[in-house]
C-alpha cells in the first residue's frame, strides 16, 4: 500500500506523488494517511522549503476510492484519515504546488484550492460531482471556491457539476498556468525551486498574509465533514452510490 504514495526529495523540494494507476489514483484511507504524514514531515523539516503534489501521466486523481469510502462511511465507522489530510493542507506552513495532468475529480480538484500554484495540461478536465452522489463539496471548498473563483464559477463547478477544461480553470483562477504534458513536471518543479530559493521568513509572512485564515478554513472543513457524514446515511446518497457502483460493474 505504501507504493501508492511515493515521497521523494530533490534538494529543498519534497514531492508527494499519487501512484495507483490501476485505480486511476482513487485515494484510499491509507493513501490519505501517508500524504498527511508526508506534508507534516515536510513542514517540520527546515531543510524542506517547498512541497509539490503530483499524480501520474493522464491521471491526477479520480477522487475518493468509492468502495473504501462506502465500507467505512455507511457502515458507521468513519475514518479520520481524509480529514487529517485536509487539515494538513489547510495548516501547511511551506509553499505548496501541484502538477495536474488528465483526470482530476472530486478531491483531485479541491486539493488545488489549497495550492499556491497549480500547473495543468491542456487535456486536464476538472470535475466535482459531489452533489451527483448526494454529498457536498469538501476540503473547505465551500469557503475557498467562491473566494478564489467567484460565486458563480464555484457554483457551476461544485454544485451544477460542470466540468472545467484547463483553460476554463485558469480563467476562473483555480490554476496558475496551462503547460504541455511533456513539460508539466519541469515547469512545476522549476517554480518550486524558485520559491525554495527565496528568503524563507519573508516568504512565510507573504504567504500567510495571502492565504485564508487557517482556523476559519479548519472550521469550514469540519462543518463540511459533519454534513458529509450525515449525508452518507441519507437515502438519496445511498441510492446514488449504489447506482454508481452498478454502472461500474456493468
Protein backbone atom coordinates (compact mmCIF):
# COMPACT_ATOMS: atom_id res chain seq x y z
CA UNK A 1 0.00 0.00 0.00
CA UNK A 2 2.90 2.36 0.69
CA UNK A 3 3.79 2.19 -3.00
CA UNK A 4 0.54 4.02 -3.77
CA UNK A 5 2.13 7.20 -2.37
CA UNK A 6 5.71 7.93 -3.33
CA UNK A 7 7.66 10.59 -1.44
CA UNK A 8 10.99 11.92 -2.64
CA UNK A 9 13.17 14.91 -2.02
CA UNK A 10 15.04 16.95 -4.58
CA UNK A 11 17.17 19.32 -2.60
CA UNK A 12 14.82 21.68 -0.72
CA UNK A 13 11.71 20.39 -2.52
CA UNK A 14 9.63 17.45 -1.32
CA UNK A 15 7.49 15.63 -3.90
CA UNK A 16 4.41 13.65 -2.90
CA UNK A 17 3.16 11.52 -5.79
CA UNK A 18 -0.08 9.55 -6.01
CA UNK A 19 0.80 6.24 -7.66
CA UNK A 20 -2.21 3.94 -8.06
CA UNK A 21 -2.60 3.76 -11.83
CA UNK A 22 -4.78 0.63 -11.83
CA UNK A 23 -7.48 2.63 -9.99
CA UNK A 24 -6.81 5.99 -11.63
CA UNK A 25 -5.32 7.27 -8.37
CA UNK A 26 -8.54 6.78 -6.44
CA UNK A 27 -7.49 7.68 -2.91
CA UNK A 28 -7.88 5.20 -0.05
CA UNK A 29 -7.69 5.87 3.67
CA UNK A 30 -4.13 4.55 3.75
CA UNK A 31 -3.14 6.91 0.94
CA UNK A 32 -4.68 9.88 2.77
CA UNK A 33 -2.79 8.94 5.91
CA UNK A 34 0.55 8.71 4.08
CA UNK A 35 0.05 12.04 2.30
CA UNK A 36 -0.93 13.79 5.54
CA UNK A 37 2.17 12.42 7.26
CA UNK A 38 4.40 13.47 4.36
CA UNK A 39 3.06 17.03 4.34
CA UNK A 40 3.51 17.36 8.09
CA UNK A 41 7.02 15.91 7.91
CA UNK A 42 7.88 18.39 5.17
CA UNK A 43 6.53 21.28 7.22
CA UNK A 44 8.56 20.19 10.26
CA UNK A 45 11.84 19.78 8.36
CA UNK A 46 13.73 23.08 7.99
CA UNK A 47 15.65 21.64 5.03
CA UNK A 48 12.39 21.41 3.05
CA UNK A 49 11.35 24.78 1.65
CA UNK A 50 8.56 23.78 -0.74
CA UNK A 51 6.23 20.81 -1.34
CA UNK A 52 4.74 19.51 -4.58
CA UNK A 53 1.87 17.10 -5.25
CA UNK A 54 1.82 15.11 -8.49
CA UNK A 55 -0.30 12.35 -9.96
CA UNK A 56 0.66 10.25 -12.97
CA UNK A 57 0.62 10.90 -16.71
CA UNK A 58 -3.02 11.18 -17.73
CA UNK A 59 -4.42 10.95 -14.22
CA UNK A 60 -4.07 13.24 -11.23
CA UNK A 61 -6.83 11.60 -9.16
CA UNK A 62 -10.27 10.16 -9.82
CA UNK A 63 -11.31 11.11 -6.29
CA UNK A 64 -12.10 9.04 -3.23
CA UNK A 65 -11.94 5.28 -3.58
CA UNK A 66 -15.69 4.63 -3.62
CA UNK A 67 -15.59 1.10 -2.21
CA UNK A 68 -13.24 2.20 0.57
CA UNK A 69 -15.39 5.26 1.23
CA UNK A 70 -18.62 3.25 1.45
CA UNK A 71 -17.13 0.47 3.57
CA UNK A 72 -16.10 2.92 6.26
CA UNK A 73 -18.79 5.55 5.78
CA UNK A 74 -22.17 3.90 5.58
CA UNK A 75 -21.14 1.16 7.99
CA UNK A 76 -20.94 3.66 10.83
CA UNK A 77 -17.14 3.66 11.09
CA UNK A 78 -15.87 6.92 9.65
CA UNK A 79 -12.13 7.06 9.48
CA UNK A 80 -10.36 10.32 10.13
CA UNK A 81 -7.63 9.88 7.51
CA UNK A 82 -9.20 12.05 4.81
CA UNK A 83 -9.95 14.85 7.26
CA UNK A 84 -6.42 14.60 8.67
CA UNK A 85 -5.11 15.09 5.15
CA UNK A 86 -7.35 18.11 4.60
CA UNK A 87 -6.14 19.59 7.87
CA UNK A 88 -2.55 19.08 6.76
CA UNK A 89 -3.37 21.00 3.59
CA UNK A 90 -5.16 23.79 5.46
CA UNK A 91 -2.36 24.16 8.01
CA UNK A 92 0.54 23.81 5.60
CA UNK A 93 3.48 26.03 6.51
CA UNK A 94 5.51 25.74 3.32
CA UNK A 95 4.59 26.78 -0.23
CA UNK A 96 2.51 24.03 -1.82
CA UNK A 97 2.38 23.39 -5.58
CA UNK A 98 0.64 20.83 -7.75
CA UNK A 99 1.05 19.49 -11.26
CA UNK A 100 -2.15 18.09 -12.77
CA UNK A 101 -2.49 16.01 -15.93
CA UNK A 102 -5.66 14.37 -17.23
CA UNK A 103 -8.32 13.16 -14.80
CA UNK A 104 -8.98 15.44 -11.82
CA UNK A 105 -12.17 14.54 -9.96
CA UNK A 106 -13.50 15.43 -6.52
CA UNK A 107 -10.56 15.69 -4.13
CA UNK A 108 -8.46 15.79 -7.31
CA UNK A 109 -9.98 19.24 -7.79
CA UNK A 110 -10.20 20.53 -4.23
CA UNK A 111 -6.57 19.76 -3.39
CA UNK A 112 -5.62 22.53 -5.79
CA UNK A 113 -7.59 25.16 -3.88
CA UNK A 114 -5.00 24.71 -1.13
CA UNK A 115 -2.06 25.08 -3.51
CA UNK A 116 -0.20 28.32 -4.05
CA UNK A 117 0.49 27.43 -7.68
CA UNK A 118 -1.09 24.74 -9.83
CA UNK A 119 0.12 23.82 -13.30
CA UNK A 120 -2.16 21.74 -15.53
CA UNK A 121 -2.01 20.29 -19.02
CA UNK A 122 -4.44 21.06 -21.87
CA UNK A 123 -6.00 17.60 -21.64
CA UNK A 124 -6.90 18.04 -17.96
CA UNK A 125 -10.58 18.21 -17.03
CA UNK A 126 -11.64 19.23 -13.53
CA UNK A 127 -14.89 17.67 -12.25
CA UNK A 128 -16.51 17.86 -8.83
CA UNK A 129 -19.65 15.68 -8.93
CA UNK A 130 -20.28 15.76 -5.18
CA UNK A 131 -23.98 16.51 -5.43
CA UNK A 132 -24.49 13.78 -8.02
CA UNK A 133 -23.53 11.35 -5.25
CA UNK A 134 -25.88 13.01 -2.77
CA UNK A 135 -22.92 14.58 -0.95
CA UNK A 136 -21.45 18.06 -0.55
CA UNK A 137 -18.25 19.81 -1.61
CA UNK A 138 -15.33 19.18 0.79
CA UNK A 139 -11.81 20.32 1.69
CA UNK A 140 -13.11 23.76 2.64
CA UNK A 141 -14.11 24.36 -0.98
CA UNK A 142 -17.43 25.96 0.00
CA UNK A 143 -15.26 28.71 1.51
CA UNK A 144 -12.21 28.86 -0.74
CA UNK A 145 -14.04 28.14 -4.03
CA UNK A 146 -16.19 31.31 -4.06
CA UNK A 147 -13.30 33.41 -2.72
CA UNK A 148 -10.90 32.25 -5.40
CA UNK A 149 -13.23 31.87 -8.37
CA UNK A 150 -16.26 33.98 -7.50
CA UNK A 151 -19.66 32.63 -6.56
CA UNK A 152 -20.95 31.71 -10.00
CA UNK A 153 -17.85 29.90 -11.21
CA UNK A 154 -17.61 27.99 -7.92
CA UNK A 155 -21.32 27.17 -8.01
CA UNK A 156 -21.00 25.90 -11.58
CA UNK A 157 -18.07 23.65 -10.67
CA UNK A 158 -19.17 22.36 -7.27
CA UNK A 159 -22.99 22.44 -7.39
CA UNK A 160 -24.01 22.25 -11.03
CA UNK A 161 -21.13 19.80 -11.51
CA UNK A 162 -19.97 21.36 -14.78
CA UNK A 163 -16.58 20.09 -15.92
CA UNK A 164 -13.88 22.74 -16.36
CA UNK A 165 -11.22 22.46 -19.03
CA UNK A 166 -7.72 23.57 -18.11
CA UNK A 167 -8.29 26.90 -19.88
CA UNK A 168 -11.59 27.42 -18.04
CA UNK A 169 -9.89 26.56 -14.77
CA UNK A 170 -7.16 29.10 -15.46
CA UNK A 171 -9.69 31.80 -16.37
CA UNK A 172 -11.58 31.03 -13.15
CA UNK A 173 -8.44 31.29 -11.02
CA UNK A 174 -8.38 27.63 -10.00
CA UNK A 175 -4.96 27.06 -11.58
CA UNK A 176 -1.92 29.19 -12.36
CA UNK A 177 -0.81 28.02 -15.81
CA UNK A 178 -1.55 25.60 -18.63
CA UNK A 179 1.57 23.77 -19.85
CA UNK A 180 2.29 20.86 -22.19
CA UNK A 181 2.24 17.28 -20.94
CA UNK A 182 5.95 16.93 -21.63
CA UNK A 183 6.85 19.98 -19.54
CA UNK A 184 4.43 19.70 -16.62
CA UNK A 185 6.87 18.35 -14.08
CA UNK A 186 9.73 20.54 -15.26
CA UNK A 187 7.67 23.74 -15.01
CA UNK A 188 6.16 22.80 -11.66
CA UNK A 189 9.49 21.83 -10.12
CA UNK A 190 11.21 24.89 -11.58
CA UNK A 191 8.67 27.10 -9.80
CA UNK A 192 9.13 25.09 -6.61
CA UNK A 193 12.91 25.51 -6.75
CA UNK A 194 12.50 29.26 -7.38
CA UNK A 195 10.29 29.57 -4.30
CA UNK A 196 12.66 27.45 -2.25
CA UNK A 197 15.49 29.89 -3.08
CA UNK A 198 13.66 32.93 -1.69
CA UNK A 199 14.27 34.30 1.82
CA UNK A 200 12.22 31.83 3.92
CA UNK A 201 10.90 34.16 6.60
CA UNK A 202 9.79 36.82 4.12
CA UNK A 203 8.20 34.10 2.00
CA UNK A 204 6.32 32.69 5.01
CA UNK A 205 4.96 36.09 6.02
CA UNK A 206 3.85 36.92 2.48
CA UNK A 207 2.21 33.53 2.03
CA UNK A 208 0.42 33.69 5.38
CA UNK A 209 -0.95 37.15 4.59
CA UNK A 210 -2.26 35.99 1.20
CA UNK A 211 -3.94 32.79 2.38
CA UNK A 212 -7.31 32.40 4.15
CA UNK A 213 -7.30 32.40 7.93
CA UNK A 214 -6.27 28.87 8.89
CA UNK A 215 -8.73 28.47 11.73
CA UNK A 216 -11.61 29.72 9.63
CA UNK A 217 -10.66 27.20 6.96
CA UNK A 218 -10.28 24.38 9.50
CA UNK A 219 -13.70 25.22 10.94
CA UNK A 220 -15.28 25.06 7.47
CA UNK A 221 -13.63 21.70 6.74
CA UNK A 222 -15.09 20.30 9.96
CA UNK A 223 -18.56 21.67 9.16
CA UNK A 224 -18.45 20.15 5.67
CA UNK A 225 -17.20 16.85 7.07
CA UNK A 226 -20.06 16.71 9.59
CA UNK A 227 -22.59 17.33 6.82
CA UNK A 228 -20.96 14.68 4.61
CA UNK A 229 -21.14 12.18 7.46
CA UNK A 230 -24.85 12.84 7.77
CA UNK A 231 -25.34 12.70 4.01
CA UNK A 232 -23.66 9.29 3.81
CA UNK A 233 -26.52 7.92 5.89
CA UNK A 234 -29.20 9.52 3.70
CA UNK A 235 -31.40 7.54 1.35
CA UNK A 236 -30.51 9.68 -1.65
CA UNK A 237 -26.77 9.29 -1.10
CA UNK A 238 -27.09 5.51 -0.71
CA UNK A 239 -29.17 5.33 -3.88
CA UNK A 240 -26.64 7.47 -5.77
CA UNK A 241 -23.70 5.34 -4.63
CA UNK A 242 -25.49 2.09 -5.50
CA UNK A 243 -26.32 3.43 -8.95
CA UNK A 244 -22.69 4.47 -9.42
CA UNK A 245 -21.40 1.05 -8.40
CA UNK A 246 -23.93 -0.67 -10.64
CA UNK A 247 -22.65 1.35 -13.60
CA UNK A 248 -19.08 0.39 -12.72
CA UNK A 249 -20.00 -3.30 -12.62
CA UNK A 250 -21.89 -3.29 -15.92
